[in-house]
Amino acid sequence: MDIAALLARWIPVHRDRNRTAAPAGAGRTASAERHFPVAVGAGHGLAAVVTLVLVLLTALGRGE
C-alpha cells in the first residue's frame, strides 16, 4: 500500500472513533487505526515527505 492509501483509510476511521463506540460485550473490537493519535500520523507523513525530498535531491545530484 502506498502512503495515500493508508492515509485515506486512517482519516475516516480516526474521525468516526467516538461516533461508533460499540457497547461492552458486543463482540466488536476496535481497529488498530483508532488508537493512533493525530500527531503520530502527521509525524509519520512528515517523515515520509522529508525522505522523498532527500531522495529526489540526491538523485538530481544536489548537495555535492
Protein backbone atom coordinates (compact mmCIF):
# COMPACT_ATOMS: atom_id res chain seq x y z
CA MET A 1 0.00 0.00 0.00
CA ASP A 2 1.20 3.46 -0.67
CA ILE A 3 1.02 6.32 1.80
CA ALA A 4 -2.01 7.94 0.18
CA ALA A 5 -3.99 4.71 0.52
CA LEU A 6 -3.01 4.36 4.17
CA LEU A 7 -3.95 7.97 4.87
CA ALA A 8 -7.26 7.56 3.04
CA ARG A 9 -8.03 4.55 5.23
CA TRP A 10 -6.90 6.12 8.50
CA ILE A 11 -8.69 9.50 8.33
CA PRO A 12 -12.30 8.20 8.27
CA VAL A 13 -11.56 5.63 10.98
CA HIS A 14 -9.99 8.28 13.17
CA ARG A 15 -12.89 10.69 12.68
CA ASP A 16 -15.52 8.07 13.49
CA ARG A 17 -13.85 6.69 16.62
CA ASN A 18 -16.20 8.47 19.02
CA ARG A 19 -19.38 8.05 16.99
CA THR A 20 -19.35 4.27 16.57
CA ALA A 21 -18.41 3.04 20.01
CA ALA A 22 -19.73 -0.48 20.47
CA PRO A 23 -21.40 -1.42 23.74
CA ALA A 24 -19.43 -3.62 26.11
CA GLY A 25 -19.66 -7.28 25.17
CA ALA A 26 -20.92 -6.60 21.65
CA GLY A 27 -18.15 -8.73 20.16
CA ARG A 28 -16.69 -5.93 18.09
CA THR A 29 -13.09 -4.96 18.50
CA ALA A 30 -11.74 -1.57 17.56
CA SER A 31 -9.37 -1.46 14.63
CA ALA A 32 -5.76 -0.62 15.31
CA GLU A 33 -6.06 2.62 13.35
CA ARG A 34 -8.35 4.04 16.02
CA HIS A 35 -5.59 4.06 18.63
CA PHE A 36 -3.07 6.24 16.78
CA PRO A 37 -3.03 9.90 17.82
CA VAL A 38 -3.19 12.51 15.07
CA ALA A 39 0.34 13.70 15.95
CA VAL A 40 1.74 10.23 15.26
CA GLY A 41 0.03 10.10 11.86
CA ALA A 42 1.17 13.61 10.97
CA GLY A 43 4.73 12.93 12.12
CA HIS A 44 4.87 9.74 10.08
CA GLY A 45 3.62 11.58 7.00
CA LEU A 46 6.11 14.39 7.52
CA ALA A 47 8.97 11.91 7.81
CA ALA A 48 7.84 10.27 4.56
CA VAL A 49 7.75 13.59 2.71
CA VAL A 50 11.20 14.59 4.01
CA THR A 51 12.59 11.20 2.95
CA LEU A 52 11.14 11.56 -0.55
CA VAL A 53 12.54 15.08 -0.93
CA LEU A 54 16.00 13.99 0.21
CA VAL A 55 15.98 11.03 -2.18
CA LEU A 56 14.88 13.27 -5.04
CA LEU A 57 17.60 15.84 -4.27
CA THR A 58 20.22 13.09 -4.10
CA ALA A 59 19.05 11.62 -7.41
CA LEU A 60 19.31 15.05 -9.03
CA GLY A 61 22.87 15.45 -7.76
CA ARG A 62 22.20 18.33 -5.36
CA GLY A 63 24.22 18.72 -2.20
CA GLU A 64 27.57 17.62 -3.59
